[in-house]
Structures are given as C-alpha cells and as structure tokens.
C-alpha atoms as a PDB file:
ATOM      1  CA  UNK A   1       1.698  10.434   3.013  1.00  0.00           C
ATOM      2  CA  UNK A   2       0.490   8.879   6.267  1.00  0.00           C
ATOM      3  CA  UNK A   3      -2.790   7.069   5.660  1.00  0.00           C
ATOM      4  CA  UNK A   4      -2.418   6.781   1.875  1.00  0.00           C
ATOM      5  CA  UNK A   5      -1.330   3.247   0.966  1.00  0.00           C
ATOM      6  CA  UNK A   6       0.839   2.524  -2.046  1.00  0.00           C
ATOM      7  CA  UNK A   7      -0.925  -0.825  -2.347  1.00  0.00           C
ATOM      8  CA  UNK A   8      -4.256   0.986  -2.532  1.00  0.00           C
ATOM      9  CA  UNK A   9      -2.958   3.248  -5.306  1.00  0.00           C
ATOM     10  CA  UNK A  10      -1.757   0.189  -7.220  1.00  0.00           C
ATOM     11  CA  UNK A  11      -5.178  -1.430  -6.817  1.00  0.00           C
ATOM     12  CA  UNK A  12      -6.960   1.706  -8.041  1.00  0.00           C
ATOM     13  CA  UNK A  13      -4.745   1.875 -11.129  1.00  0.00           C
ATOM     14  CA  UNK A  14      -5.257  -1.824 -11.873  1.00  0.00           C
ATOM     15  CA  UNK A  15      -1.542  -2.602 -11.420  1.00  0.00           C
ATOM     16  CA  UNK A  16      -1.472  -4.530  -8.143  1.00  0.00           C
ATOM     17  CA  UNK A  17      -1.427  -8.090  -9.505  1.00  0.00           C
ATOM     18  CA  UNK A  18       1.127  -7.225 -12.183  1.00  0.00           C
ATOM     19  CA  UNK A  19       3.403  -5.526  -9.659  1.00  0.00           C
ATOM     20  CA  UNK A  20       3.335  -8.439  -7.229  1.00  0.00           C
ATOM     21  CA  UNK A  21       4.011 -10.926 -10.028  1.00  0.00           C
ATOM     22  CA  UNK A  22       6.910  -8.895 -11.456  1.00  0.00           C
ATOM     23  CA  UNK A  23       8.360  -8.293  -7.985  1.00  0.00           C
ATOM     24  CA  UNK A  24       8.237 -12.030  -7.262  1.00  0.00           C
ATOM     25  CA  UNK A  25       9.993 -12.822 -10.545  1.00  0.00           C
ATOM     26  CA  UNK A  26      12.577 -10.098  -9.927  1.00  0.00           C
ATOM     27  CA  UNK A  27      13.365 -11.376  -6.426  1.00  0.00           C
ATOM     28  CA  UNK A  28      13.558 -14.966  -7.668  1.00  0.00           C
ATOM     29  CA  UNK A  29      15.896 -13.974 -10.490  1.00  0.00           C
ATOM     30  CA  UNK A  30      18.129 -12.030  -8.110  1.00  0.00           C
ATOM     31  CA  UNK A  31      18.343 -15.014  -5.751  1.00  0.00           C
ATOM     32  CA  UNK A  32      19.197 -17.362  -8.636  1.00  0.00           C
ATOM     33  CA  UNK A  33      21.941 -14.934  -9.748  1.00  0.00           C
ATOM     34  CA  UNK A  34      23.850 -15.071  -6.463  1.00  0.00           C
ATOM     35  CA  UNK A  35      27.184 -16.961  -6.579  1.00  0.00           C
ATOM     36  CA  UNK A  36      26.041 -19.744  -4.229  1.00  0.00           C
ATOM     37  CA  UNK A  37      22.915 -20.524  -6.283  1.00  0.00           C
ATOM     38  CA  UNK A  38      24.323 -20.325  -9.821  1.00  0.00           C
ATOM     39  CA  UNK A  39      24.678 -23.769 -11.374  1.00  0.00           C
ATOM     40  CA  UNK A  40      27.234 -24.989 -13.919  1.00  0.00           C
ATOM     41  CA  UNK A  41      28.361 -22.483 -16.546  1.00  0.00           C
ATOM     42  CA  UNK A  42      25.735 -22.022 -19.219  1.00  0.00           C
ATOM     43  CA  UNK A  43      23.068 -23.956 -17.321  1.00  0.00           C
ATOM     44  CA  UNK A  44      20.847 -20.914 -16.712  1.00  0.00           C
ATOM     45  CA  UNK A  45      21.261 -17.840 -18.937  1.00  0.00           C
ATOM     46  CA  UNK A  46      20.969 -14.562 -17.039  1.00  0.00           C
ATOM     47  CA  UNK A  47      18.159 -13.350 -19.294  1.00  0.00           C
ATOM     48  CA  UNK A  48      16.006 -16.395 -18.494  1.00  0.00           C
ATOM     49  CA  UNK A  49      16.246 -15.741 -14.763  1.00  0.00           C
ATOM     50  CA  UNK A  50      14.320 -12.483 -15.195  1.00  0.00           C
ATOM     51  CA  UNK A  51      12.065 -13.593 -18.053  1.00  0.00           C
ATOM     52  CA  UNK A  52       8.860 -13.027 -16.081  1.00  0.00           C
ATOM     53  CA  UNK A  53       9.686  -9.450 -15.023  1.00  0.00           C
ATOM     54  CA  UNK A  54       7.552  -6.779 -16.694  1.00  0.00           C
ATOM     55  CA  UNK A  55      10.338  -4.213 -17.090  1.00  0.00           C
ATOM     56  CA  UNK A  56       8.078  -1.722 -18.876  1.00  0.00           C
ATOM     57  CA  UNK A  57       6.152  -1.489 -15.590  1.00  0.00           C
ATOM     58  CA  UNK A  58       8.912  -1.898 -12.996  1.00  0.00           C
ATOM     59  CA  UNK A  59      11.430   0.614 -14.384  1.00  0.00           C
ATOM     60  CA  UNK A  60       9.036   3.590 -14.785  1.00  0.00           C
ATOM     61  CA  UNK A  61       7.624   2.792 -11.352  1.00  0.00           C
ATOM     62  CA  UNK A  62      11.076   2.828  -9.734  1.00  0.00           C
ATOM     63  CA  UNK A  63      12.018   6.097 -11.462  1.00  0.00           C
ATOM     64  CA  UNK A  64       8.726   7.708 -10.450  1.00  0.00           C
ATOM     65  CA  UNK A  65       9.101   6.613  -6.813  1.00  0.00           C
ATOM     66  CA  UNK A  66      12.628   8.038  -6.581  1.00  0.00           C
ATOM     67  CA  UNK A  67      11.619  11.316  -8.219  1.00  0.00           C
ATOM     68  CA  UNK A  68       8.619  11.659  -5.908  1.00  0.00           C
ATOM     69  CA  UNK A  69      10.673  10.799  -2.835  1.00  0.00           C
ATOM     70  CA  UNK A  70      13.399  13.389  -3.396  1.00  0.00           C
ATOM     71  CA  UNK A  71      11.575  16.060  -5.433  1.00  0.00           C
ATOM     72  CA  UNK A  72       7.992  16.062  -4.158  1.00  0.00           C
ATOM     73  CA  UNK A  73       8.287  14.979  -0.526  1.00  0.00           C
ATOM     74  CA  UNK A  74       9.124  18.534   0.531  1.00  0.00           C
ATOM     75  CA  UNK A  75       6.192  20.343  -1.172  1.00  0.00           C
ATOM     76  CA  UNK A  76       3.710  17.599  -0.270  1.00  0.00           C
ATOM     77  CA  UNK A  77       4.888  17.568   3.325  1.00  0.00           C
ATOM     78  CA  UNK A  78       4.435  21.353   3.415  1.00  0.00           C
ATOM     79  CA  UNK A  79       0.913  20.987   2.016  1.00  0.00           C
ATOM     80  CA  UNK A  80       0.026  18.417   4.673  1.00  0.00           C
ATOM     81  CA  UNK A  81       1.539  20.540   7.449  1.00  0.00           C
ATOM     82  CA  UNK A  82       0.005  23.850   6.340  1.00  0.00           C
ATOM     83  CA  UNK A  83      -3.401  22.484   5.295  1.00  0.00           C
ATOM     84  CA  UNK A  84      -4.014  19.455   7.548  1.00  0.00           C
ATOM     85  CA  UNK A  85      -7.807  19.510   7.268  1.00  0.00           C
ATOM     86  CA  UNK A  86      -7.904  20.058   3.488  1.00  0.00           C
ATOM     87  CA  UNK A  87      -5.224  17.449   2.804  1.00  0.00           C
ATOM     88  CA  UNK A  88      -6.864  14.811   4.999  1.00  0.00           C
ATOM     89  CA  UNK A  89     -10.242  15.479   3.408  1.00  0.00           C
ATOM     90  CA  UNK A  90      -8.698  15.069  -0.043  1.00  0.00           C
ATOM     91  CA  UNK A  91      -7.013  11.778   0.890  1.00  0.00           C
ATOM     92  CA  UNK A  92     -10.144  10.584   2.690  1.00  0.00           C
ATOM     93  CA  UNK A  93     -12.173  10.980  -0.494  1.00  0.00           C
ATOM     94  CA  UNK A  94      -9.538   9.161  -2.540  1.00  0.00           C
ATOM     95  CA  UNK A  95      -9.166   6.215  -0.160  1.00  0.00           C
ATOM     96  CA  UNK A  96     -12.916   5.895   0.498  1.00  0.00           C
ATOM     97  CA  UNK A  97     -13.678   5.747  -3.226  1.00  0.00           C
ATOM     98  CA  UNK A  98     -10.886   3.201  -3.733  1.00  0.00           C
ATOM     99  CA  UNK A  99     -12.909   0.672  -1.721  1.00  0.00           C
ATOM    100  CA  UNK A 100     -14.718  -0.079  -4.992  1.00  0.00           C
ATOM    101  CA  UNK A 101     -11.560  -1.651  -6.395  1.00  0.00           C
ATOM    102  CA  UNK A 102     -11.014  -4.618  -4.007  1.00  0.00           C
ATOM    103  CA  UNK A 103     -14.799  -5.054  -3.607  1.00  0.00           C
ATOM    104  CA  UNK A 104     -15.320  -5.443  -7.361  1.00  0.00           C
ATOM    105  CA  UNK A 105     -12.264  -7.704  -7.670  1.00  0.00           C
ATOM    106  CA  UNK A 106     -13.485  -9.898  -4.790  1.00  0.00           C
ATOM    107  CA  UNK A 107     -16.905 -10.223  -6.416  1.00  0.00           C
ATOM    108  CA  UNK A 108     -15.265 -11.361  -9.656  1.00  0.00           C
ATOM    109  CA  UNK A 109     -13.281 -13.970  -7.712  1.00  0.00           C
ATOM    110  CA  UNK A 110     -16.351 -15.279  -5.877  1.00  0.00           C
ATOM    111  CA  UNK A 111     -18.154 -18.470  -6.928  1.00  0.00           C
ATOM    112  CA  UNK A 112     -21.546 -18.108  -8.547  1.00  0.00           C
ATOM    113  CA  UNK A 113     -24.358 -17.056  -6.218  1.00  0.00           C
ATOM    114  CA  UNK A 114     -26.269 -20.258  -6.985  1.00  0.00           C
ATOM    115  CA  UNK A 115     -23.500 -22.395  -5.500  1.00  0.00           C
ATOM    116  CA  UNK A 116     -23.066 -20.356  -2.306  1.00  0.00           C
ATOM    117  CA  UNK A 117     -24.701 -21.040   1.038  1.00  0.00           C
ATOM    118  CA  UNK A 118     -25.962 -18.363   3.416  1.00  0.00           C
ATOM    119  CA  UNK A 119     -22.909 -18.891   5.636  1.00  0.00           C
ATOM    120  CA  UNK A 120     -20.504 -18.329   2.735  1.00  0.00           C
ATOM    121  CA  UNK A 121     -22.345 -15.170   1.728  1.00  0.00           C
ATOM    122  CA  UNK A 122     -22.055 -13.760   5.247  1.00  0.00           C
ATOM    123  CA  UNK A 123     -18.417 -14.815   5.667  1.00  0.00           C
ATOM    124  CA  UNK A 124     -17.117 -12.154   3.285  1.00  0.00           C
ATOM    125  CA  UNK A 125     -18.717  -9.146   5.022  1.00  0.00           C
ATOM    126  CA  UNK A 126     -17.762 -10.622   8.402  1.00  0.00           C
ATOM    127  CA  UNK A 127     -14.069 -10.777   7.406  1.00  0.00           C
ATOM    128  CA  UNK A 128     -14.166  -7.214   6.097  1.00  0.00           C
ATOM    129  CA  UNK A 129     -15.809  -5.840   9.249  1.00  0.00           C
ATOM    130  CA  UNK A 130     -13.510  -7.784  11.606  1.00  0.00           C
ATOM    131  CA  UNK A 131     -10.338  -6.573   9.872  1.00  0.00           C
ATOM    132  CA  UNK A 132     -11.678  -3.012   9.637  1.00  0.00           C
ATOM    133  CA  UNK A 133     -12.517  -2.979  13.365  1.00  0.00           C
ATOM    134  CA  UNK A 134      -9.040  -4.239  14.276  1.00  0.00           C
ATOM    135  CA  UNK A 135      -7.313  -1.614  12.116  1.00  0.00           C
ATOM    136  CA  UNK A 136      -9.625   1.108  13.452  1.00  0.00           C
ATOM    137  CA  UNK A 137      -8.617   0.265  17.019  1.00  0.00           C
ATOM    138  CA  UNK A 138      -4.895  -0.013  16.218  1.00  0.00           C
ATOM    139  CA  UNK A 139      -4.858   3.367  14.497  1.00  0.00           C
ATOM    140  CA  UNK A 140      -6.285   4.882  17.662  1.00  0.00           C
ATOM    141  CA  UNK A 141      -3.181   3.981  19.663  1.00  0.00           C
ATOM    142  CA  UNK A 142      -1.010   6.954  20.686  1.00  0.00           C
ATOM    143  CA  UNK A 143       2.119   7.681  18.636  1.00  0.00           C
ATOM    144  CA  UNK A 144       5.522   8.934  19.708  1.00  0.00           C
ATOM    145  CA  UNK A 145       8.815  10.009  18.145  1.00  0.00           C
ATOM    146  CA  UNK A 146      12.196   8.308  18.657  1.00  0.00           C
ATOM    147  CA  UNK A 147      14.938  10.911  18.867  1.00  0.00           C
ATOM    148  CA  UNK A 148      18.067   8.832  18.124  1.00  0.00           C
ATOM    149  CA  UNK A 149      17.047   5.345  16.889  1.00  0.00           C
ATOM    150  CA  UNK A 150      19.546   2.497  16.896  1.00  0.00           C
ATOM    151  CA  UNK A 151      20.542   0.632  13.741  1.00  0.00           C
ATOM    152  CA  UNK A 152      18.334  -2.405  14.296  1.00  0.00           C
ATOM    153  CA  UNK A 153      15.317  -0.156  14.944  1.00  0.00           C
ATOM    154  CA  UNK A 154      15.945   1.657  11.645  1.00  0.00           C
ATOM    155  CA  UNK A 155      16.229  -1.634   9.730  1.00  0.00           C
ATOM    156  CA  UNK A 156      13.115  -3.052  11.409  1.00  0.00           C
ATOM    157  CA  UNK A 157      11.195   0.117  10.553  1.00  0.00           C
ATOM    158  CA  UNK A 158      12.213  -0.205   6.904  1.00  0.00           C
ATOM    159  CA  UNK A 159      10.990  -3.815   6.816  1.00  0.00           C
ATOM    160  CA  UNK A 160       7.661  -2.913   8.423  1.00  0.00           C
ATOM    161  CA  UNK A 161       7.143   0.085   6.144  1.00  0.00           C
ATOM    162  CA  UNK A 162       7.732  -1.839   2.919  1.00  0.00           C
ATOM    163  CA  UNK A 163       5.479  -4.672   4.071  1.00  0.00           C
ATOM    164  CA  UNK A 164       2.730  -2.115   4.631  1.00  0.00           C
ATOM    165  CA  UNK A 165       3.488  -0.577   1.235  1.00  0.00           C
ATOM    166  CA  UNK A 166       2.715  -3.883  -0.470  1.00  0.00           C
ATOM    167  CA  UNK A 167      -0.561  -4.371   1.429  1.00  0.00           C
ATOM    168  CA  UNK A 168      -3.559  -2.332   0.245  1.00  0.00           C
ATOM    169  CA  UNK A 169      -4.982  -0.164   3.001  1.00  0.00           C
ATOM    170  CA  UNK A 170      -1.841  -0.091   5.126  1.00  0.00           C
ATOM    171  CA  UNK A 171       0.269   3.030   4.690  1.00  0.00           C
ATOM    172  CA  UNK A 172       3.999   2.566   5.165  1.00  0.00           C
ATOM    173  CA  UNK A 173       4.282   6.194   6.293  1.00  0.00           C
ATOM    174  CA  UNK A 174       1.586   5.678   8.892  1.00  0.00           C
ATOM    175  CA  UNK A 175       3.378   2.566  10.183  1.00  0.00           C
ATOM    176  CA  UNK A 176       6.483   4.721  10.625  1.00  0.00           C
ATOM    177  CA  UNK A 177       4.368   7.356  12.357  1.00  0.00           C
ATOM    178  CA  UNK A 178       2.992   4.723  14.747  1.00  0.00           C
ATOM    179  CA  UNK A 179       6.527   3.470  15.505  1.00  0.00           C
ATOM    180  CA  UNK A 180       7.718   7.044  16.122  1.00  0.00           C
ATOM    181  CA  UNK A 181      10.055   6.783  13.096  1.00  0.00           C
ATOM    182  CA  UNK A 182       8.249   9.064  10.634  1.00  0.00           C
ATOM    183  CA  UNK A 183      10.004  12.330  11.511  1.00  0.00           C
ATOM    184  CA  UNK A 184      13.513  10.774  11.825  1.00  0.00           C
ATOM    185  CA  UNK A 185      13.094   9.067   8.446  1.00  0.00           C
ATOM    186  CA  UNK A 186      11.784  12.216   6.775  1.00  0.00           C
ATOM    187  CA  UNK A 187      14.707  14.152   8.228  1.00  0.00           C
ATOM    188  CA  UNK A 188      17.159  11.529   6.941  1.00  0.00           C
ATOM    189  CA  UNK A 189      15.726  11.849   3.420  1.00  0.00           C
ATOM    190  CA  UNK A 190      15.859  15.659   3.542  1.00  0.00           C
ATOM    191  CA  UNK A 191      19.434  15.748   4.892  1.00  0.00           C
ATOM    192  CA  UNK A 192      20.629  12.859   2.652  1.00  0.00           C
ATOM    193  CA  UNK A 193      21.808  10.859   5.685  1.00  0.00           C
ATOM    194  CA  UNK A 194      23.507   7.985   3.873  1.00  0.00           C
ATOM    195  CA  UNK A 195      24.071   5.741   6.899  1.00  0.00           C
ATOM    196  CA  UNK A 196      20.471   5.984   8.069  1.00  0.00           C
ATOM    197  CA  UNK A 197      19.090   5.432   4.563  1.00  0.00           C
ATOM    198  CA  UNK A 198      21.387   2.437   3.961  1.00  0.00           C
ATOM    199  CA  UNK A 199      20.089   0.685   7.086  1.00  0.00           C
ATOM    200  CA  UNK A 200      16.497   1.583   6.230  1.00  0.00           C
ATOM    201  CA  UNK A 201      16.837   0.279   2.643  1.00  0.00           C
ATOM    202  CA  UNK A 202      18.479  -2.941   3.863  1.00  0.00           C
ATOM    203  CA  UNK A 203      15.535  -3.592   6.165  1.00  0.00           C
ATOM    204  CA  UNK A 204      13.099  -2.680   3.402  1.00  0.00           C
ATOM    205  CA  UNK A 205      14.714  -5.179   1.008  1.00  0.00           C
ATOM    206  CA  UNK A 206      14.508  -7.919   3.640  1.00  0.00           C
ATOM    207  CA  UNK A 207      10.828  -7.177   4.222  1.00  0.00           C
ATOM    208  CA  UNK A 208      10.134  -6.976   0.500  1.00  0.00           C
ATOM    209  CA  UNK A 209      11.656 -10.396  -0.192  1.00  0.00           C
ATOM    210  CA  UNK A 210       9.497 -12.068   2.448  1.00  0.00           C
ATOM    211  CA  UNK A 211       6.174 -10.291   1.960  1.00  0.00           C
ATOM    212  CA  UNK A 212       6.113 -10.346  -1.851  1.00  0.00           C
ATOM    213  CA  UNK A 213       6.625 -14.096  -1.998  1.00  0.00           C
ATOM    214  CA  UNK A 214       3.846 -14.618   0.535  1.00  0.00           C
ATOM    215  CA  UNK A 215       1.447 -12.233  -1.221  1.00  0.00           C
ATOM    216  CA  UNK A 216       2.075 -13.831  -4.606  1.00  0.00           C
ATOM    217  CA  UNK A 217       1.226 -17.242  -3.145  1.00  0.00           C
ATOM    218  CA  UNK A 218      -1.875 -15.973  -1.344  1.00  0.00           C
ATOM    219  CA  UNK A 219      -3.151 -14.129  -4.422  1.00  0.00           C
ATOM    220  CA  UNK A 220      -2.784 -17.307  -6.423  1.00  0.00           C
ATOM    221  CA  UNK A 221      -4.338 -19.705  -3.885  1.00  0.00           C
ATOM    222  CA  UNK A 222      -6.626 -17.548  -1.708  1.00  0.00           C
ATOM    223  CA  UNK A 223      -7.334 -14.583  -3.954  1.00  0.00           C
ATOM    224  CA  UNK A 224     -10.823 -13.735  -2.670  1.00  0.00           C
ATOM    225  CA  UNK A 225      -9.735 -13.881   0.980  1.00  0.00           C
ATOM    226  CA  UNK A 226      -6.782 -11.559   0.303  1.00  0.00           C
ATOM    227  CA  UNK A 227      -9.077  -9.061  -1.415  1.00  0.00           C
ATOM    228  CA  UNK A 228     -11.575  -9.193   1.453  1.00  0.00           C
ATOM    229  CA  UNK A 229      -8.793  -8.538   3.965  1.00  0.00           C
ATOM    230  CA  UNK A 230      -7.537  -5.677   1.765  1.00  0.00           C
ATOM    231  CA  UNK A 231     -11.039  -4.188   1.788  1.00  0.00           C
ATOM    232  CA  UNK A 232     -11.112  -4.339   5.582  1.00  0.00           C
ATOM    233  CA  UNK A 233      -7.655  -2.755   5.811  1.00  0.00           C
ATOM    234  CA  UNK A 234      -8.713   0.148   3.601  1.00  0.00           C
ATOM    235  CA  UNK A 235     -12.004   0.608   5.449  1.00  0.00           C
ATOM    236  CA  UNK A 236     -10.336   0.640   8.864  1.00  0.00           C
ATOM    237  CA  UNK A 237      -7.551   2.971   7.711  1.00  0.00           C
ATOM    238  CA  UNK A 238     -10.098   5.720   7.006  1.00  0.00           C
ATOM    239  CA  UNK A 239      -9.817   6.641  10.686  1.00  0.00           C
ATOM    240  CA  UNK A 240      -6.328   8.034  10.091  1.00  0.00           C
ATOM    241  CA  UNK A 241      -7.670  10.403   7.425  1.00  0.00           C
ATOM    242  CA  UNK A 242     -10.626  11.924   9.281  1.00  0.00           C
ATOM    243  CA  UNK A 243      -9.972  15.684   8.901  1.00  0.00           C
ATOM    244  CA  UNK A 244     -10.923  16.707  12.462  1.00  0.00           C
ATOM    245  CA  UNK A 245      -8.845  14.971  15.113  1.00  0.00           C
ATOM    246  CA  UNK A 246      -7.237  15.827  18.427  1.00  0.00           C
ATOM    247  CA  UNK A 247      -4.227  13.494  18.505  1.00  0.00           C
ATOM    248  CA  UNK A 248      -6.064  10.138  18.277  1.00  0.00           C
ATOM    249  CA  UNK A 249      -9.516  11.434  19.270  1.00  0.00           C
ATOM    250  CA  UNK A 250     -12.027  11.854  16.441  1.00  0.00           C
ATOM    251  CA  UNK A 251     -13.981  15.104  16.555  1.00  0.00           C
ATOM    252  CA  UNK A 252     -17.284  16.035  14.867  1.00  0.00           C
ATOM    253  CA  UNK A 253     -17.147  18.489  11.932  1.00  0.00           C
ATOM    254  CA  UNK A 254     -17.374  22.141  12.977  1.00  0.00           C
ATOM    255  CA  UNK A 255     -20.542  24.094  12.328  1.00  0.00           C
ATOM    256  CA  UNK A 256     -18.571  26.413  10.027  1.00  0.00           C
ATOM    257  CA  UNK A 257     -15.534  26.020   7.812  1.00  0.00           C
ATOM    258  CA  UNK A 258     -16.359  22.593   6.397  1.00  0.00           C
ATOM    259  CA  UNK A 259     -17.111  23.746   2.821  1.00  0.00           C
ATOM    260  CA  UNK A 260     -13.574  23.488   1.473  1.00  0.00           C
ATOM    261  CA  UNK A 261     -12.914  20.117   3.137  1.00  0.00           C
ATOM    262  CA  UNK A 262     -16.117  18.836   1.539  1.00  0.00           C
ATOM    263  CA  UNK A 263     -14.964  20.116  -1.871  1.00  0.00           C
ATOM    264  CA  UNK A 264     -11.555  18.466  -1.378  1.00  0.00           C
ATOM    265  CA  UNK A 265     -13.212  15.192  -0.323  1.00  0.00           C
ATOM    266  CA  UNK A 266     -15.469  15.245  -3.396  1.00  0.00           C
ATOM    267  CA  UNK A 267     -12.570  16.064  -5.730  1.00  0.00           C
ATOM    268  CA  UNK A 268     -10.491  13.179  -4.392  1.00  0.00           C
ATOM    269  CA  UNK A 269     -13.388  10.741  -4.645  1.00  0.00           C
ATOM    270  CA  UNK A 270     -14.272  11.837  -8.194  1.00  0.00           C
ATOM    271  CA  UNK A 271     -10.647  11.491  -9.333  1.00  0.00           C
ATOM    272  CA  UNK A 272     -10.448   7.902  -8.085  1.00  0.00           C
ATOM    273  CA  UNK A 273     -13.894   7.015  -9.450  1.00  0.00           C
ATOM    274  CA  UNK A 274     -12.853   8.278 -12.891  1.00  0.00           C
ATOM    275  CA  UNK A 275      -9.715   6.120 -12.755  1.00  0.00           C
ATOM    276  CA  UNK A 276     -11.787   3.126 -11.644  1.00  0.00           C
ATOM    277  CA  UNK A 277     -14.331   3.715 -14.417  1.00  0.00           C
ATOM    278  CA  UNK A 278     -11.572   3.972 -17.012  1.00  0.00           C
ATOM    279  CA  UNK A 279     -10.000   0.765 -15.722  1.00  0.00           C
ATOM    280  CA  UNK A 280     -13.372  -1.035 -16.007  1.00  0.00           C
ATOM    281  CA  UNK A 281     -13.573  -0.046 -19.666  1.00  0.00           C
ATOM    282  CA  UNK A 282     -10.216  -1.624 -20.464  1.00  0.00           C
ATOM    283  CA  UNK A 283      -9.785  -5.192 -21.605  1.00  0.00           C
ATOM    284  CA  UNK A 284      -9.402  -7.704 -18.733  1.00  0.00           C
ATOM    285  CA  UNK A 285      -5.818  -8.180 -17.571  1.00  0.00           C
ATOM    286  CA  UNK A 286      -4.065 -11.370 -16.549  1.00  0.00           C
ATOM    287  CA  UNK A 287      -3.728 -11.710 -12.793  1.00  0.00           C
ATOM    288  CA  UNK A 288      -1.260 -13.535 -10.572  1.00  0.00           C
ATOM    289  CA  UNK A 289      -3.480 -16.561 -10.614  1.00  0.00           C
ATOM    290  CA  UNK A 290      -3.435 -16.647 -14.405  1.00  0.00           C
ATOM    291  CA  UNK A 291      -7.111 -15.678 -14.649  1.00  0.00           C
ATOM    292  CA  UNK A 292      -8.596 -12.621 -16.309  1.00  0.00           C
END
C-alpha cells in the first residue's frame, strides 16, 4: 500500500525493536554459516549462530507477509483503485494516529527534564519538523512508470524498497511508485514472473543486510535521534495519503461527499489508538539497547 510503512506498523504493534534485533542476529548467523567464514569443525555449532533470533516472531511474520503478498494484494489493490478517497482517508487516520508511538518512545528515551537545556528541548522538535518538511517536498515530486526496466534497475528498486520498509514512515510501495517501478512490480507478482522477482528479491536482500545492521547500531547508540527522525518521516509522509489530490497537487476537501472519508479516517485512527493503548498496558519489553 503506497504511503503505509511496514516500519510504522511494526512500531504501532510494539514489535519494531524486536524485529530489528532478530533480523540483525539472523543476518549475522547467515554470514557466519557461509563456507568462507566457518571456522574449524566444531568451533561454532550451527544452533549458536542463530541463538539471538526470536523465531516465534520471525516465522509467523514471514508467513503472514507471503500470504498477504500473494493472497491479499489483489483485493486490496482493487479497493485502493475503486475507492481511492475512502482508502486514503482510512490510511491517513491510521498513520496520523501512529505518530503517538515514536513520540512516546522518544520521550521515554529522553534525559530527565531537569538536566536538559532550552537548546536540547528545542532540538527534538526542530529535527522532526526538518525531516517532515524534506519528506513533504520529496513526495510532491512527479512520478512516472518504467515500461521495460533493466535488471540492475529491478535490483536497485528492491534494495530501496526494503530499506524503506525497515524505516518507519517510509513506504516501500511509495518508493517504488516514485521510481516508476510500482506497476511493473505489481504486475510481476500477479503474473508470477520468476526472473523479475528473483532480481527484485536479490536487491532486497542486499538492502536488508546493509540497512538492518545500521539501524540496529543506531537504535543502540542514538535511539532518541532515530525515533525523532522516524517521527518526522511519518509526519511528512501524510502528504501521500491526503484523500483529495490531483497528481501531486493537494486539493481542499469538497463541500459535499466528505462524510464517508471522515468516517474512514476516524475508524483508522481509532483502530491504531486502541492498539497503542493496549500496548501501553503491557509489561515493558526489552529493546535493542537492552533497556525496557
């Protein structure tokens, strides 16, 4: 869904830190299992290489993503195509309400108010607004469609899409839409184009290896800054979900016919707020940085 970030969904469900940590451990274990990195026989049992992977989270997630990709992409794409205003209003409410998640997490990662200067208090909102403004402008750039993309373009698109998937507020589908690769990729999934999908997955794996390692480090060392940037990304990405648009031009709501979009917006926001409220009631979870 263009404009709906997988990283945002993970943040809303309280799974983002756990996913990044497990992905980092999974990638590290896979690298250590390659023939050129395996040490003497018996020096590193295979099970120990993946000891930090939370399989009870990763496996259901992978199954759910595959099922959604091949079973639900058609009906959801039809819903978006047939009801563009209603669908965008629904997603707008969901993404707007999800801003509470990184904001609350950033506040928990902040030092006590007594030890903060005026400059440090203003730095956080300044970062959020600067990132949001940059994303808002970038999402206003015109999009196009590539008819017959070459192999390296397909692989590069896969890398860019998966990097956006891991970053809250950046939608991998919208990145593909901006590159002009959304329709070719959707067509490849629908037609089961094995060659196209193999190149796309190869690029996605390359992007995943690089971005997950970087995110895991940043979440551990600069957690508050990462969350502030994520907040700005989500805030700026709301432009893509405004229900009334003419290509990249934002239009005011019509004088009539805005009742159902408002209901859809409210329903999406309430659904996310209920998830956020339920997550707040749970016991604190361990994060990438080892803190609750």
